[in-house]
């Protein structure tokens, strides 16, 4: 994100491996990797592919390529390994990467109510991204909207659904200007998440629908 088009989880992970994500998006991915073993495997595959491509570069002498490869693997591979090894205590909602970034766990978030059933903790703009934590009550429907850029939403507790799928703890919703959605929180427990956006969202629903969603 931040001038880079990200529209799938794979493209997000690829940019993580390449080391091109701004800090908030990198933290979001590292928190995701702590919770999703299958994504840790995908990251290791991407790192291996990056190393293979480097080895196949012809201009550099063999000794230089080996040194370059060692440097790449030494700097990149530990990202996923560290995320896997640094698991949070069982009673902590926030993965270690996120806990270290914000400095507290879910029970200590200084929430502010934005509308009925929707609370937010705004961390402000960081490296070109707008960063926030959100809390949505069970059954809450978010007003229909699209995006002027990329939006990454990591589910930390609870779950929500939209027309594209169902997102549970550890899942990342990747949305851009091609996505027009109206997320709805599962019944039973609130949905807590971490959101990183590089451009504002744009409401798309009817006025009647918007009022209904705001009232909750």
C-alpha atoms as a PDB file:
ATOM      1  CA  UNK A   1       0.000   0.000   0.000  1.00  0.00           C
ATOM      2  CA  UNK A   2       0.936   3.668  -0.025  1.00  0.00           C
ATOM      3  CA  UNK A   3       1.125   4.054  -3.802  1.00  0.00           C
ATOM      4  CA  UNK A   4       1.370   0.270  -4.243  1.00  0.00           C
ATOM      5  CA  UNK A   5      -1.743  -1.578  -5.401  1.00  0.00           C
ATOM      6  CA  UNK A   6      -2.709  -4.340  -2.991  1.00  0.00           C
ATOM      7  CA  UNK A   7      -5.893  -6.248  -3.774  1.00  0.00           C
ATOM      8  CA  UNK A   8      -5.261  -9.775  -2.411  1.00  0.00           C
ATOM      9  CA  UNK A   9      -3.664 -11.388   0.617  1.00  0.00           C
ATOM     10  CA  UNK A  10      -0.961 -12.858  -1.637  1.00  0.00           C
ATOM     11  CA  UNK A  11       0.017  -9.438  -2.962  1.00  0.00           C
ATOM     12  CA  UNK A  12       0.170  -8.153   0.614  1.00  0.00           C
ATOM     13  CA  UNK A  13       2.402 -11.042   1.715  1.00  0.00           C
ATOM     14  CA  UNK A  14       4.634 -10.564  -1.330  1.00  0.00           C
ATOM     15  CA  UNK A  15       5.221  -6.928  -0.387  1.00  0.00           C
ATOM     16  CA  UNK A  16       5.900  -7.995   3.179  1.00  0.00           C
ATOM     17  CA  UNK A  17       8.604 -10.379   1.972  1.00  0.00           C
ATOM     18  CA  UNK A  18      10.038  -7.655  -0.282  1.00  0.00           C
ATOM     19  CA  UNK A  19      10.220  -5.309   2.709  1.00  0.00           C
ATOM     20  CA  UNK A  20       8.236  -2.526   1.011  1.00  0.00           C
ATOM     21  CA  UNK A  21       5.320  -2.160   3.441  1.00  0.00           C
ATOM     22  CA  UNK A  22       5.034   0.888   5.716  1.00  0.00           C
ATOM     23  CA  UNK A  23       5.345   0.129   9.409  1.00  0.00           C
ATOM     24  CA  UNK A  24       1.615  -0.134  10.256  1.00  0.00           C
ATOM     25  CA  UNK A  25       0.961  -2.584   7.415  1.00  0.00           C
ATOM     26  CA  UNK A  26       4.062  -4.596   8.344  1.00  0.00           C
ATOM     27  CA  UNK A  27       2.849  -4.829  11.959  1.00  0.00           C
ATOM     28  CA  UNK A  28      -0.587  -5.935  10.731  1.00  0.00           C
ATOM     29  CA  UNK A  29       0.981  -8.720   8.637  1.00  0.00           C
ATOM     30  CA  UNK A  30       3.261  -9.852  11.462  1.00  0.00           C
ATOM     31  CA  UNK A  31       0.259 -10.052  13.804  1.00  0.00           C
ATOM     32  CA  UNK A  32      -1.573 -12.079  11.135  1.00  0.00           C
ATOM     33  CA  UNK A  33       1.395 -14.453  10.815  1.00  0.00           C
ATOM     34  CA  UNK A  34       1.351 -15.115  14.548  1.00  0.00           C
ATOM     35  CA  UNK A  35      -2.241 -16.327  14.251  1.00  0.00           C
ATOM     36  CA  UNK A  36      -2.209 -18.104  10.864  1.00  0.00           C
ATOM     37  CA  UNK A  37       0.300 -20.963  10.347  1.00  0.00           C
ATOM     38  CA  UNK A  38      -0.775 -21.377   6.715  1.00  0.00           C
ATOM     39  CA  UNK A  39       0.330 -17.830   5.952  1.00  0.00           C
ATOM     40  CA  UNK A  40       3.695 -18.439   7.621  1.00  0.00           C
ATOM     41  CA  UNK A  41       4.168 -21.319   5.179  1.00  0.00           C
ATOM     42  CA  UNK A  42       3.209 -19.050   2.270  1.00  0.00           C
ATOM     43  CA  UNK A  43       5.724 -16.419   3.398  1.00  0.00           C
ATOM     44  CA  UNK A  44       8.488 -19.030   3.603  1.00  0.00           C
ATOM     45  CA  UNK A  45       7.618 -20.128   0.044  1.00  0.00           C
ATOM     46  CA  UNK A  46       7.782 -16.529  -1.178  1.00  0.00           C
ATOM     47  CA  UNK A  47      11.124 -16.020   0.544  1.00  0.00           C
ATOM     48  CA  UNK A  48      12.467 -19.171  -1.091  1.00  0.00           C
ATOM     49  CA  UNK A  49      11.252 -17.986  -4.500  1.00  0.00           C
ATOM     50  CA  UNK A  50      12.932 -14.611  -3.962  1.00  0.00           C
ATOM     51  CA  UNK A  51      16.179 -16.379  -3.055  1.00  0.00           C
ATOM     52  CA  UNK A  52      15.984 -18.602  -6.139  1.00  0.00           C
ATOM     53  CA  UNK A  53      15.455 -15.624  -8.432  1.00  0.00           C
ATOM     54  CA  UNK A  54      18.482 -13.943  -6.886  1.00  0.00           C
ATOM     55  CA  UNK A  55      20.617 -17.041  -7.469  1.00  0.00           C
ATOM     56  CA  UNK A  56      19.598 -17.062 -11.140  1.00  0.00           C
ATOM     57  CA  UNK A  57      20.858 -13.518 -11.747  1.00  0.00           C
ATOM     58  CA  UNK A  58      23.752 -13.863 -14.199  1.00  0.00           C
ATOM     59  CA  UNK A  59      25.767 -10.634 -13.984  1.00  0.00           C
ATOM     60  CA  UNK A  60      27.181 -11.229 -10.507  1.00  0.00           C
ATOM     61  CA  UNK A  61      29.993 -13.799 -10.013  1.00  0.00           C
ATOM     62  CA  UNK A  62      28.994 -16.956  -8.127  1.00  0.00           C
ATOM     63  CA  UNK A  63      30.750 -15.925  -4.927  1.00  0.00           C
ATOM     64  CA  UNK A  64      28.998 -12.544  -5.007  1.00  0.00           C
ATOM     65  CA  UNK A  65      25.595 -14.163  -5.651  1.00  0.00           C
ATOM     66  CA  UNK A  66      26.110 -16.528  -2.712  1.00  0.00           C
ATOM     67  CA  UNK A  67      26.965 -13.597  -0.468  1.00  0.00           C
ATOM     68  CA  UNK A  68      23.942 -11.633  -1.700  1.00  0.00           C
ATOM     69  CA  UNK A  69      21.664 -14.647  -1.159  1.00  0.00           C
ATOM     70  CA  UNK A  70      22.984 -15.149   2.367  1.00  0.00           C
ATOM     71  CA  UNK A  71      22.305 -11.498   3.138  1.00  0.00           C
ATOM     72  CA  UNK A  72      18.745 -11.665   1.757  1.00  0.00           C
ATOM     73  CA  UNK A  73      17.873 -14.840   3.636  1.00  0.00           C
ATOM     74  CA  UNK A  74      19.445 -13.564   6.836  1.00  0.00           C
ATOM     75  CA  UNK A  75      17.439 -10.343   6.713  1.00  0.00           C
ATOM     76  CA  UNK A  76      14.085 -11.644   5.433  1.00  0.00           C
ATOM     77  CA  UNK A  77      13.534 -15.186   6.709  1.00  0.00           C
ATOM     78  CA  UNK A  78      13.561 -14.228  10.396  1.00  0.00           C
ATOM     79  CA  UNK A  79      10.532 -11.989   9.844  1.00  0.00           C
ATOM     80  CA  UNK A  80       8.185 -14.970   9.632  1.00  0.00           C
ATOM     81  CA  UNK A  81      10.197 -17.080  12.060  1.00  0.00           C
ATOM     82  CA  UNK A  82      10.168 -14.331  14.653  1.00  0.00           C
ATOM     83  CA  UNK A  83       6.433 -13.865  14.280  1.00  0.00           C
ATOM     84  CA  UNK A  84       5.925 -17.594  14.752  1.00  0.00           C
ATOM     85  CA  UNK A  85       8.199 -17.825  17.791  1.00  0.00           C
ATOM     86  CA  UNK A  86       6.900 -14.700  19.508  1.00  0.00           C
ATOM     87  CA  UNK A  87       3.433 -15.990  20.297  1.00  0.00           C
ATOM     88  CA  UNK A  88       1.388 -13.959  22.737  1.00  0.00           C
ATOM     89  CA  UNK A  89       0.249 -15.310  26.110  1.00  0.00           C
ATOM     90  CA  UNK A  90      -2.944 -17.332  25.823  1.00  0.00           C
ATOM     91  CA  UNK A  91      -5.008 -14.704  27.639  1.00  0.00           C
ATOM     92  CA  UNK A  92      -3.927 -11.830  25.378  1.00  0.00           C
ATOM     93  CA  UNK A  93      -6.207 -10.707  22.536  1.00  0.00           C
ATOM     94  CA  UNK A  94      -3.544  -8.718  20.668  1.00  0.00           C
ATOM     95  CA  UNK A  95      -0.722 -10.687  19.029  1.00  0.00           C
ATOM     96  CA  UNK A  96       2.754  -9.676  20.213  1.00  0.00           C
ATOM     97  CA  UNK A  97       3.537  -7.602  17.109  1.00  0.00           C
ATOM     98  CA  UNK A  98       0.455  -5.452  17.645  1.00  0.00           C
ATOM     99  CA  UNK A  99       0.828  -5.340  21.428  1.00  0.00           C
ATOM    100  CA  UNK A 100       4.378  -4.015  21.029  1.00  0.00           C
ATOM    101  CA  UNK A 101       3.177  -1.460  18.464  1.00  0.00           C
ATOM    102  CA  UNK A 102       0.298   0.044  20.481  1.00  0.00           C
ATOM    103  CA  UNK A 103       1.589  -0.671  24.002  1.00  0.00           C
ATOM    104  CA  UNK A 104      -1.507  -2.331  25.493  1.00  0.00           C
ATOM    105  CA  UNK A 105      -4.006  -5.177  25.043  1.00  0.00           C
ATOM    106  CA  UNK A 106      -7.690  -5.078  24.125  1.00  0.00           C
ATOM    107  CA  UNK A 107      -8.965  -4.563  27.667  1.00  0.00           C
ATOM    108  CA  UNK A 108      -6.989  -1.313  27.984  1.00  0.00           C
ATOM    109  CA  UNK A 109      -7.894   0.356  24.679  1.00  0.00           C
ATOM    110  CA  UNK A 110      -9.147   3.940  25.293  1.00  0.00           C
ATOM    111  CA  UNK A 111     -12.120   3.568  22.976  1.00  0.00           C
ATOM    112  CA  UNK A 112     -14.175   6.503  21.737  1.00  0.00           C
ATOM    113  CA  UNK A 113     -17.746   5.954  20.562  1.00  0.00           C
ATOM    114  CA  UNK A 114     -18.213   7.090  16.954  1.00  0.00           C
ATOM    115  CA  UNK A 115     -21.819   5.944  16.519  1.00  0.00           C
ATOM    116  CA  UNK A 116     -24.103   3.438  18.261  1.00  0.00           C
ATOM    117  CA  UNK A 117     -22.370   0.068  18.368  1.00  0.00           C
ATOM    118  CA  UNK A 118     -19.113   1.385  16.889  1.00  0.00           C
ATOM    119  CA  UNK A 119     -16.078   2.389  18.907  1.00  0.00           C
ATOM    120  CA  UNK A 120     -12.656   3.406  17.644  1.00  0.00           C
ATOM    121  CA  UNK A 121      -9.192   4.182  18.882  1.00  0.00           C
ATOM    122  CA  UNK A 122      -7.517   6.415  16.317  1.00  0.00           C
ATOM    123  CA  UNK A 123      -3.725   6.087  16.203  1.00  0.00           C
ATOM    124  CA  UNK A 124      -3.494   8.812  13.572  1.00  0.00           C
ATOM    125  CA  UNK A 125      -1.438   8.982  10.390  1.00  0.00           C
ATOM    126  CA  UNK A 126       1.753   6.934  10.341  1.00  0.00           C
ATOM    127  CA  UNK A 127       4.001   6.711   7.257  1.00  0.00           C
ATOM    128  CA  UNK A 128       1.210   7.727   4.907  1.00  0.00           C
ATOM    129  CA  UNK A 129      -1.380   5.383   6.459  1.00  0.00           C
ATOM    130  CA  UNK A 130      -4.372   6.096   8.660  1.00  0.00           C
ATOM    131  CA  UNK A 131      -4.241   3.591  11.515  1.00  0.00           C
ATOM    132  CA  UNK A 132      -6.947   2.634  14.002  1.00  0.00           C
ATOM    133  CA  UNK A 133      -8.407  -0.059  16.218  1.00  0.00           C
ATOM    134  CA  UNK A 134     -12.136  -0.709  15.980  1.00  0.00           C
ATOM    135  CA  UNK A 135     -14.826  -2.356  18.111  1.00  0.00           C
ATOM    136  CA  UNK A 136     -18.215  -3.337  16.688  1.00  0.00           C
ATOM    137  CA  UNK A 137     -21.080  -4.750  18.732  1.00  0.00           C
ATOM    138  CA  UNK A 138     -22.530  -8.169  17.849  1.00  0.00           C
ATOM    139  CA  UNK A 139     -24.917  -7.966  14.911  1.00  0.00           C
ATOM    140  CA  UNK A 140     -23.723  -4.471  13.916  1.00  0.00           C
ATOM    141  CA  UNK A 141     -23.763  -3.664  10.187  1.00  0.00           C
ATOM    142  CA  UNK A 142     -21.214  -1.189   8.850  1.00  0.00           C
ATOM    143  CA  UNK A 143     -22.594   1.310   6.299  1.00  0.00           C
ATOM    144  CA  UNK A 144     -21.975   0.278   2.681  1.00  0.00           C
ATOM    145  CA  UNK A 145     -18.755   1.792   1.355  1.00  0.00           C
ATOM    146  CA  UNK A 146     -15.914   1.515  -1.100  1.00  0.00           C
ATOM    147  CA  UNK A 147     -12.340   2.796  -0.892  1.00  0.00           C
ATOM    148  CA  UNK A 148     -10.230   5.405  -2.617  1.00  0.00           C
ATOM    149  CA  UNK A 149      -7.133   3.318  -1.926  1.00  0.00           C
ATOM    150  CA  UNK A 150      -6.273   0.168   0.022  1.00  0.00           C
ATOM    151  CA  UNK A 151      -7.800  -0.875   3.347  1.00  0.00           C
ATOM    152  CA  UNK A 152      -6.408  -3.734   5.431  1.00  0.00           C
ATOM    153  CA  UNK A 153      -8.512  -4.982   8.349  1.00  0.00           C
ATOM    154  CA  UNK A 154      -7.152  -7.652  10.699  1.00  0.00           C
ATOM    155  CA  UNK A 155      -9.733  -9.410  12.883  1.00  0.00           C
ATOM    156  CA  UNK A 156      -8.445  -9.778  16.447  1.00  0.00           C
ATOM    157  CA  UNK A 157     -11.583 -11.092  18.141  1.00  0.00           C
ATOM    158  CA  UNK A 158     -15.079 -12.017  17.005  1.00  0.00           C
ATOM    159  CA  UNK A 159     -15.874 -12.139  13.288  1.00  0.00           C
ATOM    160  CA  UNK A 160     -17.637 -10.344  10.457  1.00  0.00           C
ATOM    161  CA  UNK A 161     -18.920 -11.189   6.991  1.00  0.00           C
ATOM    162  CA  UNK A 162     -19.399  -9.371   3.716  1.00  0.00           C
ATOM    163  CA  UNK A 163     -20.256 -10.477   0.181  1.00  0.00           C
ATOM    164  CA  UNK A 164     -16.708 -11.817  -0.263  1.00  0.00           C
ATOM    165  CA  UNK A 165     -16.523 -14.095   2.753  1.00  0.00           C
ATOM    166  CA  UNK A 166     -16.369 -14.639   6.510  1.00  0.00           C
ATOM    167  CA  UNK A 167     -13.475 -13.175   8.501  1.00  0.00           C
ATOM    168  CA  UNK A 168     -12.484 -14.650  11.868  1.00  0.00           C
ATOM    169  CA  UNK A 169      -9.620 -14.074  14.311  1.00  0.00           C
ATOM    170  CA  UNK A 170      -6.375 -13.731  12.366  1.00  0.00           C
ATOM    171  CA  UNK A 171      -8.018 -13.144   8.978  1.00  0.00           C
ATOM    172  CA  UNK A 172      -7.229 -10.044   6.906  1.00  0.00           C
ATOM    173  CA  UNK A 173      -9.831  -8.325   4.767  1.00  0.00           C
ATOM    174  CA  UNK A 174      -8.092  -6.649   1.810  1.00  0.00           C
ATOM    175  CA  UNK A 175     -10.266  -4.034   0.095  1.00  0.00           C
ATOM    176  CA  UNK A 176      -9.667  -1.385  -2.576  1.00  0.00           C
ATOM    177  CA  UNK A 177     -11.674   0.758  -4.987  1.00  0.00           C
ATOM    178  CA  UNK A 178     -13.005  -2.366  -6.715  1.00  0.00           C
ATOM    179  CA  UNK A 179     -14.759  -3.499  -3.511  1.00  0.00           C
ATOM    180  CA  UNK A 180     -18.137  -2.120  -2.431  1.00  0.00           C
ATOM    181  CA  UNK A 181     -19.150  -3.891   0.745  1.00  0.00           C
ATOM    182  CA  UNK A 182     -21.341  -3.703   3.839  1.00  0.00           C
ATOM    183  CA  UNK A 183     -19.657  -5.772   6.567  1.00  0.00           C
ATOM    184  CA  UNK A 184     -21.887  -7.355   9.206  1.00  0.00           C
ATOM    185  CA  UNK A 185     -20.642  -8.554  12.615  1.00  0.00           C
ATOM    186  CA  UNK A 186     -21.501 -12.060  13.796  1.00  0.00           C
ATOM    187  CA  UNK A 187     -23.891 -12.458  16.681  1.00  0.00           C
ATOM    188  CA  UNK A 188     -22.582 -13.546  20.061  1.00  0.00           C
ATOM    189  CA  UNK A 189     -19.496 -11.385  20.611  1.00  0.00           C
ATOM    190  CA  UNK A 190     -18.085  -8.019  19.518  1.00  0.00           C
ATOM    191  CA  UNK A 191     -15.657  -7.789  16.615  1.00  0.00           C
ATOM    192  CA  UNK A 192     -12.353  -6.123  17.449  1.00  0.00           C
ATOM    193  CA  UNK A 193      -9.917  -5.310  14.666  1.00  0.00           C
ATOM    194  CA  UNK A 194      -6.895  -3.356  13.495  1.00  0.00           C
ATOM    195  CA  UNK A 195      -7.298  -1.243  10.345  1.00  0.00           C
ATOM    196  CA  UNK A 196      -4.708   0.367   8.082  1.00  0.00           C
ATOM    197  CA  UNK A 197      -5.817   2.591   5.182  1.00  0.00           C
ATOM    198  CA  UNK A 198      -3.857   4.696   2.721  1.00  0.00           C
ATOM    199  CA  UNK A 199      -6.881   6.692   1.492  1.00  0.00           C
ATOM    200  CA  UNK A 200     -10.363   7.576   2.783  1.00  0.00           C
ATOM    201  CA  UNK A 201     -13.392   5.350   2.346  1.00  0.00           C
ATOM    202  CA  UNK A 202     -16.479   6.522   0.448  1.00  0.00           C
ATOM    203  CA  UNK A 203     -20.063   5.740   1.519  1.00  0.00           C
ATOM    204  CA  UNK A 204     -22.154   4.135  -1.235  1.00  0.00           C
ATOM    205  CA  UNK A 205     -25.463   3.043   0.322  1.00  0.00           C
ATOM    206  CA  UNK A 206     -28.812   4.805   0.038  1.00  0.00           C
ATOM    207  CA  UNK A 207     -29.661   7.519   2.545  1.00  0.00           C
ATOM    208  CA  UNK A 208     -32.316   5.311   4.163  1.00  0.00           C
ATOM    209  CA  UNK A 209     -29.865   2.421   4.466  1.00  0.00           C
ATOM    210  CA  UNK A 210     -27.201   4.730   5.867  1.00  0.00           C
ATOM    211  CA  UNK A 211     -29.511   6.096   8.545  1.00  0.00           C
ATOM    212  CA  UNK A 212     -30.580   2.587   9.485  1.00  0.00           C
ATOM    213  CA  UNK A 213     -26.954   1.452   9.785  1.00  0.00           C
ATOM    214  CA  UNK A 214     -25.951   4.499  11.838  1.00  0.00           C
ATOM    215  CA  UNK A 215     -28.813   4.040  14.264  1.00  0.00           C
ATOM    216  CA  UNK A 216     -27.849   0.383  14.505  1.00  0.00           C
END
